[in-house]
Amino acid sequence: MSSVAQVKIPATYMRGGTSKGVFFNLTDLPERCQIAGQARDNMLLRVIGSPDPYGKQTDGMGGATSSTSKTVILAKSAEVDHDVDYLFGQVAIDKAFVDWSGNCGNLTAAVGSFAIMSGLVAASRIPENGICTVRIWQKNISKTIIACVPITHGQVQETGDFELDGVTFPAAEVPVEFIAPVDPSEAMFPTGNVIDELAVPAIGSFEAATVKVTMISAGIPTIFLNAEDIGYTGTELQEAINNDEAALARFETIRAAGALKMGLINNVSEAVARQHTPKVAFVSAAKDYVTSSGKAVCAADIDLHVRALSMGKLHHAMMGTAAVAIGTAAAIPGTLVNLAAGGGERDAVVFGHPSGTLKVGAQASKLNGMWTVNKAIMSRSARVLMEGWVCIPADSF
């Protein structure tokens, strides 16, 4: 019987926000995996345990959800006034591909900590006590992100009393600022409209329909719908959506149609190879509900409800990049998100999601007839779960 040895690759398993992922220093990767290409993708697929027809990722580090099937590669930044280059790979669970089309806002909170711990941030920029401002260049989308990492006795402080809905235990708060998530030269609304009508073809038992949508590119391209327009209340938890295969197929049909209208793909058939973007989310006005952990949330404590799908499933909380899109859309009068929150001008919203609530702020303005946003802000937390080596067969890549 022939066999190959396993190779050991230095890696750190981290939680960032409501996601988990395997973090690598670029220079620690096998040489042929230090550049973009099939070898790198194959390596990451094997690390995470994909493709897995069982959908469990048992033979890898993945957790069989979109929130836990993630990889991060960091390097000292080549960009002026930045500390670290951050590359994010969303690994499909049952298919053999890695989606590099977008960012993970949740794991961004862990990027700063990992960069400091790995020596990618100059020692002169790390205080003995206080906040280390890590300047991150997000390579997937070519944007600047600032992570404010607490430092105690010269070391990253990971523990604390900051509570984040969707995460069981408290930790240290890490404010994250997404700087100019939409360049003034880019179209925040790809169609030029804050509300569009999207023609959705028939699928299964669902008839063809035309629905109102807000399609925005801020943080991550996102398609927002009204919950009531697609038969929901807006307070749904995961089981109400993820156990309904017909509904999931319909959401994917909506996503593909929206991606085409946003100009992200040239043919709806291309959507299957671009699962990470765009996201689909539905919104509704604030109302009382009970979270997935059994906590009661009063309508008076939130501005609106948002439920978002990631990689074909309803997310258990909220993706960080989608939160940027929510905050930005809420700040712009007339969008479906803004209207669900009560309309008018606002620079922050608190929204309900399946696991609880989240506050996100955004500074939006109109320049030469086009909407732009200076920055979006939210707080997350991060923690190292394990560090050492990840092992994969030498012929994996």
Protein backbone atom coordinates (compact mmCIF):
# COMPACT_ATOMS: atom_id res chain seq x y z
CA MET A 1 0.00 0.00 0.00
CA SER A 2 1.37 3.41 -0.94
CA SER A 3 1.20 6.31 1.47
CA VAL A 4 2.35 9.88 1.82
CA ALA A 5 3.52 11.71 4.90
CA GLN A 6 1.57 14.53 6.45
CA VAL A 7 2.98 18.05 6.39
CA LYS A 8 2.71 20.39 9.35
CA ILE A 9 1.84 24.02 8.63
CA PRO A 10 2.00 26.64 11.42
CA ALA A 11 -1.53 27.90 12.04
CA THR A 12 -3.76 29.52 14.65
CA TYR A 13 -7.44 28.75 15.15
CA MET A 14 -9.27 31.92 16.17
CA ARG A 15 -12.72 33.22 16.87
CA GLY A 16 -13.49 36.65 15.52
CA GLY A 17 -16.96 38.03 16.23
CA THR A 18 -19.46 35.24 15.57
CA SER A 19 -17.14 33.36 13.20
CA LYS A 20 -14.17 31.02 13.52
CA GLY A 21 -11.33 30.43 11.10
CA VAL A 22 -7.83 29.08 10.55
CA PHE A 23 -5.22 31.88 10.41
CA PHE A 24 -1.92 31.63 8.57
CA ASN A 25 1.13 33.82 8.19
CA LEU A 26 1.83 33.93 4.45
CA THR A 27 5.50 33.07 4.88
CA ASP A 28 4.60 29.91 6.86
CA LEU A 29 2.74 28.38 3.92
CA PRO A 30 4.39 25.85 1.59
CA GLU A 31 6.20 27.84 -1.10
CA ARG A 32 3.81 26.99 -3.94
CA CYS A 33 0.88 28.00 -1.73
CA GLN A 34 2.25 31.48 -1.08
CA ILE A 35 0.82 32.67 -4.38
CA ALA A 36 -2.79 32.62 -5.52
CA GLY A 37 -3.78 29.57 -7.51
CA GLN A 38 -5.03 26.01 -7.41
CA ALA A 39 -2.29 24.77 -5.06
CA ARG A 40 -3.30 27.32 -2.42
CA ASP A 41 -7.00 26.57 -2.86
CA ASN A 42 -6.38 22.82 -2.62
CA MET A 43 -4.38 23.29 0.56
CA LEU A 44 -7.11 25.35 2.22
CA LEU A 45 -9.81 22.91 1.13
CA ARG A 46 -7.92 20.04 2.77
CA VAL A 47 -7.24 22.07 5.93
CA ILE A 48 -10.94 22.83 6.36
CA GLY A 49 -12.11 19.37 5.25
CA SER A 50 -13.85 20.15 1.97
CA PRO A 51 -15.45 19.11 -0.23
CA ASP A 52 -17.46 16.91 2.12
CA PRO A 53 -20.56 15.25 0.62
CA TYR A 54 -21.69 14.50 4.17
CA GLY A 55 -21.67 18.22 4.94
CA LYS A 56 -19.84 17.73 8.25
CA GLN A 57 -16.17 18.57 7.50
CA THR A 58 -15.22 15.81 9.93
CA ASP A 59 -11.75 15.36 8.40
CA GLY A 60 -10.77 19.01 8.72
CA MET A 61 -10.91 22.14 10.83
CA GLY A 62 -14.22 23.39 9.44
CA GLY A 63 -17.35 23.42 11.59
CA ALA A 64 -19.87 22.59 8.83
CA THR A 65 -21.38 26.09 8.75
CA SER A 66 -20.59 29.16 6.69
CA SER A 67 -19.43 30.88 9.91
CA THR A 68 -16.83 28.21 10.64
CA SER A 69 -15.60 27.30 7.16
CA LYS A 70 -13.18 30.19 6.85
CA THR A 71 -9.48 30.83 6.29
CA VAL A 72 -7.27 33.90 6.67
CA ILE A 73 -3.81 34.61 5.28
CA LEU A 74 -1.88 37.59 6.66
CA ALA A 75 1.36 39.26 5.60
CA LYS A 76 3.26 42.41 6.45
CA SER A 77 1.63 45.07 4.33
CA ALA A 78 3.18 46.49 1.20
CA GLU A 79 0.67 49.36 1.30
CA VAL A 80 1.75 52.75 2.61
CA ASP A 81 0.45 53.52 6.14
CA HIS A 82 -0.82 49.98 6.69
CA ASP A 83 0.48 47.28 9.01
CA VAL A 84 -0.90 44.07 7.58
CA ASP A 85 -2.40 42.66 4.39
CA TYR A 86 -5.49 40.54 5.10
CA LEU A 87 -6.71 37.95 2.59
CA PHE A 88 -9.92 36.03 3.34
CA GLY A 89 -10.99 32.72 1.81
CA GLN A 90 -14.55 31.43 2.29
CA VAL A 91 -14.35 27.66 1.85
CA ALA A 92 -17.36 25.84 0.44
CA ILE A 93 -18.51 22.90 2.52
CA ASP A 94 -19.72 20.37 -0.05
CA LYS A 95 -18.01 21.77 -3.14
CA ALA A 96 -14.37 22.05 -4.14
CA PHE A 97 -13.87 25.78 -4.28
CA VAL A 98 -12.66 28.73 -2.23
CA ASP A 99 -14.49 32.02 -2.75
CA TRP A 100 -12.15 35.04 -2.68
CA SER A 101 -14.79 37.59 -3.76
CA GLY A 102 -15.40 39.30 -0.43
CA ASN A 103 -14.34 40.00 3.13
CA CYS A 104 -15.33 38.52 6.49
CA GLY A 105 -16.13 41.38 8.83
CA ASN A 106 -16.35 39.15 11.90
CA LEU A 107 -12.88 37.66 11.47
CA THR A 108 -11.54 41.17 10.89
CA ALA A 109 -11.71 41.60 14.67
CA ALA A 110 -9.19 38.76 15.03
CA VAL A 111 -6.87 40.04 12.29
CA GLY A 112 -5.50 42.81 14.48
CA SER A 113 -4.78 40.46 17.37
CA PHE A 114 -3.11 37.85 15.17
CA ALA A 115 -1.03 40.51 13.42
CA ILE A 116 0.30 41.80 16.75
CA MET A 117 0.98 38.31 18.12
CA SER A 118 2.74 37.28 14.90
CA GLY A 119 5.11 40.25 14.80
CA LEU A 120 3.47 41.82 11.76
CA VAL A 121 2.92 45.10 13.62
CA ALA A 122 6.01 47.16 14.46
CA ALA A 123 6.89 46.96 18.15
CA SER A 124 7.09 50.75 18.28
CA ARG A 125 3.35 50.94 17.53
CA ILE A 126 2.32 48.64 20.39
CA PRO A 127 1.79 50.44 23.73
CA GLU A 128 2.59 48.85 27.08
CA ASN A 129 -1.00 49.49 28.08
CA GLY A 130 -3.81 50.98 26.03
CA ILE A 131 -5.03 50.52 22.48
CA CYS A 132 -3.01 49.41 19.48
CA THR A 133 -4.51 50.75 16.27
CA VAL A 134 -3.86 48.10 13.63
CA ARG A 135 -4.12 49.42 10.07
CA ILE A 136 -5.40 46.58 7.89
CA TRP A 137 -5.38 46.42 4.11
CA GLN A 138 -8.21 44.10 3.08
CA LYS A 139 -6.83 42.57 -0.13
CA ASN A 140 -10.04 40.91 -1.34
CA ILE A 141 -11.82 44.25 -1.70
CA SER A 142 -8.89 46.71 -1.57
CA LYS A 143 -10.21 48.62 1.44
CA THR A 144 -8.77 49.97 4.70
CA ILE A 145 -10.02 48.64 8.04
CA ILE A 146 -8.92 49.83 11.48
CA ALA A 147 -8.98 47.41 14.41
CA CYS A 148 -8.53 48.91 17.89
CA VAL A 149 -6.94 46.10 19.89
CA PRO A 150 -6.63 46.43 23.69
CA ILE A 151 -3.14 45.86 25.08
CA THR A 152 -2.27 44.98 28.69
CA HIS A 153 1.37 44.69 29.82
CA GLY A 154 2.50 44.72 26.20
CA GLN A 155 0.31 41.76 25.25
CA VAL A 156 -2.99 41.49 23.40
CA GLN A 157 -5.83 41.49 25.91
CA GLU A 158 -8.36 38.85 24.89
CA THR A 159 -10.52 38.46 28.00
CA GLY A 160 -12.98 41.04 29.25
CA ASP A 161 -16.62 41.77 29.97
CA PHE A 162 -17.82 42.76 26.48
CA GLU A 163 -20.82 40.64 25.51
CA LEU A 164 -21.63 39.95 21.86
CA ASP A 165 -24.92 38.28 21.01
CA GLY A 166 -24.19 35.03 19.22
CA VAL A 167 -21.07 34.39 21.33
CA THR A 168 -21.57 32.53 24.62
CA PHE A 169 -18.76 34.00 26.71
CA PRO A 170 -17.68 37.62 27.21
CA ALA A 171 -14.30 38.87 25.97
CA ALA A 172 -12.37 42.07 25.35
CA GLU A 173 -14.09 44.61 23.09
CA VAL A 174 -12.44 45.30 19.72
CA PRO A 175 -13.95 48.31 17.90
CA VAL A 176 -13.60 47.94 14.13
CA GLU A 177 -13.83 50.80 11.63
CA PHE A 178 -14.43 50.12 7.94
CA ILE A 179 -12.94 53.17 6.25
CA ALA A 180 -14.60 54.35 3.03
CA PRO A 181 -16.28 50.98 2.37
CA VAL A 182 -17.45 52.54 -0.87
CA ASP A 183 -15.03 54.71 -2.85
CA PRO A 184 -16.54 57.98 -4.10
CA SER A 185 -15.71 56.79 -7.63
CA GLU A 186 -17.75 53.61 -7.12
CA ALA A 187 -21.50 53.21 -7.32
CA MET A 188 -22.88 52.34 -3.90
CA PHE A 189 -26.13 51.46 -5.64
CA PRO A 190 -25.12 49.60 -8.81
CA THR A 191 -28.37 50.47 -10.60
CA GLY A 192 -28.40 54.07 -9.40
CA ASN A 193 -31.60 53.48 -7.42
CA VAL A 194 -32.16 53.07 -3.68
CA ILE A 195 -35.08 50.76 -4.49
CA ASP A 196 -35.44 48.54 -7.55
CA GLU A 197 -37.93 45.99 -8.75
CA LEU A 198 -36.31 42.60 -9.20
CA ALA A 199 -37.89 40.00 -11.49
CA VAL A 200 -37.49 36.58 -9.87
CA PRO A 201 -38.16 33.56 -12.09
CA ALA A 202 -40.37 30.68 -10.96
CA ILE A 203 -38.75 27.84 -9.08
CA GLY A 204 -40.43 24.76 -7.66
CA SER A 205 -43.78 25.68 -6.16
CA PHE A 206 -42.92 29.39 -6.17
CA GLU A 207 -44.36 31.37 -9.05
CA ALA A 208 -42.42 34.06 -10.88
CA ALA A 209 -42.65 37.36 -9.04
CA THR A 210 -41.41 40.92 -8.99
CA VAL A 211 -40.19 42.11 -5.60
CA LYS A 212 -38.87 45.40 -4.27
CA VAL A 213 -35.18 45.32 -3.34
CA THR A 214 -32.41 47.59 -2.21
CA MET A 215 -29.13 46.47 -3.78
CA ILE A 216 -26.08 48.03 -2.21
CA SER A 217 -22.31 47.55 -2.37
CA ALA A 218 -20.98 48.63 1.02
CA GLY A 219 -19.01 46.26 3.21
CA ILE A 220 -20.22 43.45 0.98
CA PRO A 221 -22.67 43.47 -1.95
CA THR A 222 -26.10 42.83 -0.41
CA ILE A 223 -29.66 42.44 -1.66
CA PHE A 224 -32.28 43.59 0.86
CA LEU A 225 -35.95 42.60 0.63
CA ASN A 226 -39.03 43.29 2.77
CA ALA A 227 -39.84 40.24 4.88
CA GLU A 228 -43.59 40.50 4.25
CA ASP A 229 -43.05 40.58 0.48
CA ILE A 230 -41.64 37.06 0.61
CA GLY A 231 -43.98 35.64 3.23
CA TYR A 232 -42.04 36.16 6.45
CA THR A 233 -42.49 38.21 9.62
CA GLY A 234 -38.83 39.15 9.94
CA THR A 235 -38.42 37.46 13.35
CA GLU A 236 -37.59 34.01 11.96
CA LEU A 237 -34.85 31.86 13.48
CA GLN A 238 -32.61 29.44 11.59
CA GLU A 239 -34.88 26.40 11.68
CA ALA A 240 -37.72 28.30 9.98
CA ILE A 241 -35.55 28.85 6.91
CA ASN A 242 -32.80 26.26 6.89
CA ASN A 243 -35.20 23.32 7.20
CA ASP A 244 -37.15 24.50 4.17
CA GLU A 245 -35.31 23.35 1.04
CA ALA A 246 -37.86 25.03 -1.25
CA ALA A 247 -37.34 28.38 0.50
CA LEU A 248 -33.55 28.04 0.29
CA ALA A 249 -33.80 27.35 -3.43
CA ARG A 250 -35.95 30.45 -3.83
CA PHE A 251 -33.47 32.60 -1.93
CA GLU A 252 -30.69 31.33 -4.18
CA THR A 253 -32.80 32.21 -7.21
CA ILE A 254 -33.28 35.72 -5.80
CA ARG A 255 -29.57 35.99 -5.10
CA ALA A 256 -28.60 34.96 -8.63
CA ALA A 257 -31.12 37.37 -10.19
CA GLY A 258 -29.84 40.19 -7.98
CA ALA A 259 -26.20 39.40 -8.72
CA LEU A 260 -26.96 39.67 -12.41
CA LYS A 261 -28.76 43.00 -12.01
CA MET A 262 -25.91 44.33 -9.83
CA GLY A 263 -23.43 43.49 -12.58
CA LEU A 264 -21.52 41.01 -10.41
CA ILE A 265 -22.03 38.19 -12.91
CA ASN A 266 -22.76 38.05 -16.62
CA ASN A 267 -25.04 35.03 -16.50
CA VAL A 268 -27.15 33.55 -13.70
CA SER A 269 -25.27 30.26 -14.10
CA GLU A 270 -22.15 31.99 -12.72
CA ALA A 271 -23.79 32.51 -9.31
CA VAL A 272 -23.04 28.95 -8.23
CA ALA A 273 -19.30 29.68 -8.31
CA ARG A 274 -19.74 32.93 -6.38
CA GLN A 275 -21.56 31.85 -3.24
CA HIS A 276 -19.96 34.33 -0.83
CA THR A 277 -21.31 37.39 -2.65
CA PRO A 278 -23.79 38.94 -2.90
CA LYS A 279 -25.64 38.32 0.35
CA VAL A 280 -29.42 38.21 0.61
CA ALA A 281 -31.21 39.70 3.63
CA PHE A 282 -34.79 40.53 4.56
CA VAL A 283 -35.93 43.33 6.85
CA SER A 284 -38.98 44.25 8.89
CA ALA A 285 -40.06 46.84 11.43
CA ALA A 286 -39.12 46.34 15.07
CA LYS A 287 -41.29 43.90 17.04
CA ASP A 288 -40.95 41.75 20.13
CA TYR A 289 -39.24 38.39 19.57
CA VAL A 290 -37.36 35.57 21.29
CA THR A 291 -33.79 34.82 20.23
CA SER A 292 -32.32 31.39 19.51
CA SER A 293 -30.96 31.31 23.08
CA GLY A 294 -34.42 32.00 24.53
CA LYS A 295 -33.80 35.64 25.42
CA ALA A 296 -36.76 37.99 24.99
CA VAL A 297 -36.03 41.19 23.07
CA CYS A 298 -38.50 44.09 23.19
CA ALA A 299 -39.39 46.06 20.08
CA ALA A 300 -38.51 49.25 21.97
CA ASP A 301 -34.88 48.10 22.23
CA ILE A 302 -34.27 47.81 18.48
CA ASP A 303 -34.86 49.86 15.35
CA LEU A 304 -35.60 46.99 12.95
CA HIS A 305 -35.13 43.29 12.26
CA VAL A 306 -32.66 41.88 9.74
CA ARG A 307 -32.19 38.25 8.75
CA ALA A 308 -29.36 37.40 6.34
CA LEU A 309 -28.29 34.31 4.43
CA SER A 310 -24.69 33.27 3.96
CA MET A 311 -23.48 30.45 1.70
CA GLY A 312 -27.07 29.34 1.15
CA LYS A 313 -28.22 29.22 4.79
CA LEU A 314 -29.77 31.69 7.24
CA HIS A 315 -26.95 33.02 9.42
CA HIS A 316 -27.17 32.35 13.15
CA ALA A 317 -26.34 35.97 13.94
CA MET A 318 -25.07 38.57 11.45
CA MET A 319 -22.04 38.71 9.18
CA GLY A 320 -19.84 41.69 9.98
CA THR A 321 -19.65 42.88 6.39
CA ALA A 322 -23.44 42.59 6.04
CA ALA A 323 -23.72 44.71 9.19
CA VAL A 324 -21.73 47.40 7.35
CA ALA A 325 -24.22 47.19 4.50
CA ILE A 326 -27.10 47.43 7.01
CA GLY A 327 -25.65 50.47 8.75
CA THR A 328 -24.90 52.19 5.46
CA ALA A 329 -28.32 51.47 3.95
CA ALA A 330 -30.02 52.59 7.16
CA ALA A 331 -28.23 55.95 6.93
CA ILE A 332 -29.58 56.63 3.45
CA PRO A 333 -33.21 57.82 3.29
CA GLY A 334 -35.55 55.74 1.17
CA THR A 335 -33.80 52.38 1.21
CA LEU A 336 -35.79 49.38 2.41
CA VAL A 337 -33.49 49.19 5.45
CA ASN A 338 -34.01 52.85 6.25
CA LEU A 339 -37.77 52.58 5.85
CA ALA A 340 -37.96 49.46 8.04
CA ALA A 341 -36.12 51.43 10.73
CA GLY A 342 -38.70 54.21 10.54
CA GLY A 343 -37.18 56.38 7.79
CA GLY A 344 -35.45 59.73 8.09
CA GLU A 345 -31.83 60.56 8.76
CA ARG A 346 -29.84 58.40 11.18
CA ASP A 347 -26.19 57.63 11.83
CA ALA A 348 -26.66 54.36 13.73
CA VAL A 349 -29.18 51.55 14.13
CA VAL A 350 -29.71 48.67 16.52
CA PHE A 351 -31.12 45.67 14.70
CA GLY A 352 -32.42 42.34 15.84
CA HIS A 353 -30.98 39.11 14.42
CA PRO A 354 -31.54 35.44 15.35
CA SER A 355 -29.04 35.51 18.23
CA GLY A 356 -29.83 38.94 19.63
CA THR A 357 -29.06 42.54 18.74
CA LEU A 358 -26.23 44.52 17.21
CA LYS A 359 -25.51 48.23 16.90
CA VAL A 360 -23.77 49.56 13.80
CA GLY A 361 -23.05 53.14 12.84
CA ALA A 362 -22.32 54.73 9.47
CA GLN A 363 -21.56 58.23 8.22
CA ALA A 364 -23.16 58.69 4.80
CA SER A 365 -23.28 61.78 2.60
CA LYS A 366 -24.22 62.75 -0.94
CA LEU A 367 -21.48 64.05 -3.23
CA ASN A 368 -22.16 65.16 -6.78
CA GLY A 369 -25.47 63.33 -6.73
CA MET A 370 -23.93 60.06 -5.53
CA TRP A 371 -24.16 58.58 -2.06
CA THR A 372 -20.92 57.76 -0.30
CA VAL A 373 -20.01 56.63 3.20
CA ASN A 374 -16.97 57.80 5.13
CA LYS A 375 -16.85 54.87 7.52
CA ALA A 376 -18.90 52.27 9.32
CA ILE A 377 -18.24 51.28 12.91
CA MET A 378 -19.11 48.30 15.08
CA SER A 379 -17.65 46.42 18.04
CA ARG A 380 -16.67 42.74 18.02
CA SER A 381 -14.39 40.54 20.10
CA ALA A 382 -11.73 37.95 19.29
CA ARG A 383 -9.82 35.14 20.97
CA VAL A 384 -7.19 32.56 20.15
CA LEU A 385 -8.71 29.08 20.48
CA MET A 386 -5.68 26.99 19.52
CA GLU A 387 -2.23 27.54 18.12
CA GLY A 388 0.35 25.18 16.70
CA TRP A 389 0.29 23.31 13.39
CA VAL A 390 -2.41 22.03 11.11
CA CYS A 391 -1.61 18.70 9.43
CA ILE A 392 -2.61 17.65 5.92
CA PRO A 393 -1.39 14.92 3.55
CA ALA A 394 1.58 16.07 1.47
CA ASP A 395 -0.19 15.29 -1.79
CA SER A 396 -3.17 17.56 -0.94
CA PHE A 397 -1.79 20.48 -2.91
